[in-house]
Amino acid sequence: AFVVDNQGLIIGSRGDHEPSLVEGIGARLLIAFEQTDQMSAIGEPSESIAIQMGRRWLTGLRLRRGEAKPVIVGVLGPEVLSQETRDVIERMLDRH
């Protein structure tokens, strides 16, 4: 799991991936969210993205904290994060 700022720079990460790999994935998730913003004419801007990578899923969450710019949380796991898990992550970040 990792968190990147609104410019794709790592704020924090957990796991055994190289920092440069995490930063690259985070920057690409940021770009993916920017692309989804181009589709906002069909609804609200996207707050999550799930990408299947082999047998694992990369779930990206765009979380807004008050008036600050959003941060991107990325989690690589065996399945897409549930809404309940997403809510827990958001509450955890709100405490910090």
C-alpha atoms as a PDB file:
ATOM      1  CA  ALA A   1       0.000   0.000   0.000  1.00  0.00           C
ATOM      2  CA  PHE A   2       1.145   3.538  -0.604  1.00  0.00           C
ATOM      3  CA  VAL A   3       0.007   7.158  -0.502  1.00  0.00           C
ATOM      4  CA  VAL A   4       1.102   9.812  -2.996  1.00  0.00           C
ATOM      5  CA  ASP A   5       0.407  13.522  -3.069  1.00  0.00           C
ATOM      6  CA  ASN A   6      -1.319  15.458  -5.839  1.00  0.00           C
ATOM      7  CA  GLN A   7       1.942  15.539  -7.815  1.00  0.00           C
ATOM      8  CA  GLY A   8       2.604  11.797  -7.650  1.00  0.00           C
ATOM      9  CA  LEU A   9       5.302  11.961  -4.953  1.00  0.00           C
ATOM     10  CA  ILE A  10       5.328   9.296  -2.228  1.00  0.00           C
ATOM     11  CA  ILE A  11       4.010  10.391   1.152  1.00  0.00           C
ATOM     12  CA  GLY A  12       4.292   6.902   2.634  1.00  0.00           C
ATOM     13  CA  SER A  13       4.381   3.252   1.647  1.00  0.00           C
ATOM     14  CA  ARG A  14       4.210  -0.194   3.183  1.00  0.00           C
ATOM     15  CA  GLY A  15       5.418  -3.401   1.609  1.00  0.00           C
ATOM     16  CA  ASP A  16       8.449  -4.788  -0.163  1.00  0.00           C
ATOM     17  CA  HIS A  17       8.330  -2.806  -3.410  1.00  0.00           C
ATOM     18  CA  GLU A  18      11.148  -0.478  -4.426  1.00  0.00           C
ATOM     19  CA  PRO A  19      10.383   3.213  -3.794  1.00  0.00           C
ATOM     20  CA  SER A  20      10.957   4.082  -7.463  1.00  0.00           C
ATOM     21  CA  LEU A  21       8.393   1.446  -8.524  1.00  0.00           C
ATOM     22  CA  VAL A  22       5.850   2.726  -6.001  1.00  0.00           C
ATOM     23  CA  GLU A  23       6.412   6.320  -7.107  1.00  0.00           C
ATOM     24  CA  GLY A  24       5.969   5.339 -10.770  1.00  0.00           C
ATOM     25  CA  ILE A  25       2.733   3.472 -10.064  1.00  0.00           C
ATOM     26  CA  GLY A  26       1.476   6.345  -7.915  1.00  0.00           C
ATOM     27  CA  ALA A  27       2.211   8.900 -10.629  1.00  0.00           C
ATOM     28  CA  ARG A  28       0.399   6.750 -13.191  1.00  0.00           C
ATOM     29  CA  LEU A  29      -2.612   6.389 -10.885  1.00  0.00           C
ATOM     30  CA  LEU A  30      -2.673  10.169 -10.567  1.00  0.00           C
ATOM     31  CA  ILE A  31      -2.703  10.452 -14.372  1.00  0.00           C
ATOM     32  CA  ALA A  32      -5.460   7.812 -14.561  1.00  0.00           C
ATOM     33  CA  PHE A  33      -7.603   9.867 -12.185  1.00  0.00           C
ATOM     34  CA  GLU A  34      -6.958  12.965 -14.299  1.00  0.00           C
ATOM     35  CA  GLN A  35      -8.187  10.990 -17.306  1.00  0.00           C
ATOM     36  CA  THR A  36     -11.369   9.969 -15.480  1.00  0.00           C
ATOM     37  CA  ASP A  37     -12.008  13.652 -14.764  1.00  0.00           C
ATOM     38  CA  GLN A  38     -12.421  14.049 -18.536  1.00  0.00           C
ATOM     39  CA  MET A  39     -15.413  11.687 -18.274  1.00  0.00           C
ATOM     40  CA  SER A  40     -17.133  13.598 -15.460  1.00  0.00           C
ATOM     41  CA  ALA A  41     -19.809  14.777 -17.893  1.00  0.00           C
ATOM     42  CA  ILE A  42     -21.524  11.408 -17.312  1.00  0.00           C
ATOM     43  CA  GLY A  43     -21.491  11.762 -13.517  1.00  0.00           C
ATOM     44  CA  GLU A  44     -19.439  12.760 -10.518  1.00  0.00           C
ATOM     45  CA  PRO A  45     -15.629  12.602 -10.714  1.00  0.00           C
ATOM     46  CA  SER A  46     -14.216   9.148  -9.949  1.00  0.00           C
ATOM     47  CA  GLU A  47     -13.045   8.491  -6.420  1.00  0.00           C
ATOM     48  CA  SER A  48     -11.652   5.003  -7.115  1.00  0.00           C
ATOM     49  CA  ILE A  49     -10.056   2.951  -9.857  1.00  0.00           C
ATOM     50  CA  ALA A  50      -9.445  -0.808  -9.946  1.00  0.00           C
ATOM     51  CA  ILE A  51      -6.998  -2.384 -12.374  1.00  0.00           C
ATOM     52  CA  GLN A  52      -6.488  -6.128 -12.684  1.00  0.00           C
ATOM     53  CA  MET A  53      -2.799  -7.004 -12.919  1.00  0.00           C
ATOM     54  CA  GLY A  54      -2.449 -10.729 -13.467  1.00  0.00           C
ATOM     55  CA  ARG A  55      -4.082 -12.378 -10.484  1.00  0.00           C
ATOM     56  CA  ARG A  56      -3.928  -9.246  -8.328  1.00  0.00           C
ATOM     57  CA  TRP A  57      -5.835  -5.983  -8.267  1.00  0.00           C
ATOM     58  CA  LEU A  58      -4.466  -2.479  -7.884  1.00  0.00           C
ATOM     59  CA  THR A  59      -7.121  -0.341  -6.243  1.00  0.00           C
ATOM     60  CA  GLY A  60      -6.558   3.406  -6.337  1.00  0.00           C
ATOM     61  CA  LEU A  61      -8.508   5.742  -4.065  1.00  0.00           C
ATOM     62  CA  ARG A  62      -8.612   9.516  -4.453  1.00  0.00           C
ATOM     63  CA  LEU A  63      -9.265  10.936  -1.004  1.00  0.00           C
ATOM     64  CA  ARG A  64      -9.972  14.554  -0.248  1.00  0.00           C
ATOM     65  CA  ARG A  65      -9.229  15.950   3.188  1.00  0.00           C
ATOM     66  CA  GLY A  66     -11.053  19.215   3.702  1.00  0.00           C
ATOM     67  CA  GLU A  67      -9.851  21.973   1.415  1.00  0.00           C
ATOM     68  CA  ALA A  68      -6.464  20.334   0.814  1.00  0.00           C
ATOM     69  CA  LYS A  69      -5.584  18.772  -2.518  1.00  0.00           C
ATOM     70  CA  PRO A  70      -6.547  15.081  -2.732  1.00  0.00           C
ATOM     71  CA  VAL A  71      -4.109  12.268  -2.038  1.00  0.00           C
ATOM     72  CA  ILE A  72      -4.007   8.956  -3.887  1.00  0.00           C
ATOM     73  CA  VAL A  73      -3.949   5.693  -1.945  1.00  0.00           C
ATOM     74  CA  GLY A  74      -2.900   2.584  -3.846  1.00  0.00           C
ATOM     75  CA  VAL A  75      -3.398  -0.956  -2.585  1.00  0.00           C
ATOM     76  CA  LEU A  76      -2.255  -4.078  -4.427  1.00  0.00           C
ATOM     77  CA  GLY A  77      -4.071  -7.214  -3.307  1.00  0.00           C
ATOM     78  CA  PRO A  78      -5.886 -10.384  -4.332  1.00  0.00           C
ATOM     79  CA  GLU A  79      -9.171  -8.544  -4.934  1.00  0.00           C
ATOM     80  CA  VAL A  80     -10.638  -5.081  -5.327  1.00  0.00           C
ATOM     81  CA  LEU A  81     -11.038  -3.285  -2.001  1.00  0.00           C
ATOM     82  CA  SER A  82     -14.565  -3.380  -0.621  1.00  0.00           C
ATOM     83  CA  GLN A  83     -16.431  -0.169   0.136  1.00  0.00           C
ATOM     84  CA  GLU A  84     -16.127  -1.008   3.837  1.00  0.00           C
ATOM     85  CA  THR A  85     -12.326  -1.235   3.569  1.00  0.00           C
ATOM     86  CA  ARG A  86     -12.227   2.007   1.597  1.00  0.00           C
ATOM     87  CA  ASP A  87     -14.222   3.726   4.340  1.00  0.00           C
ATOM     88  CA  VAL A  88     -11.814   2.407   7.000  1.00  0.00           C
ATOM     89  CA  ILE A  89      -8.809   3.752   5.056  1.00  0.00           C
ATOM     90  CA  GLU A  90     -10.470   7.126   4.682  1.00  0.00           C
ATOM     91  CA  ARG A  91     -11.246   7.328   8.412  1.00  0.00           C
ATOM     92  CA  MET A  92      -7.635   6.357   9.232  1.00  0.00           C
ATOM     93  CA  LEU A  93      -6.293   9.178   7.054  1.00  0.00           C
ATOM     94  CA  ASP A  94      -8.767  11.658   8.558  1.00  0.00           C
ATOM     95  CA  ARG A  95      -7.211  11.033  11.978  1.00  0.00           C
ATOM     96  CA  HIS A  96      -3.774  12.138  10.764  1.00  0.00           C
END
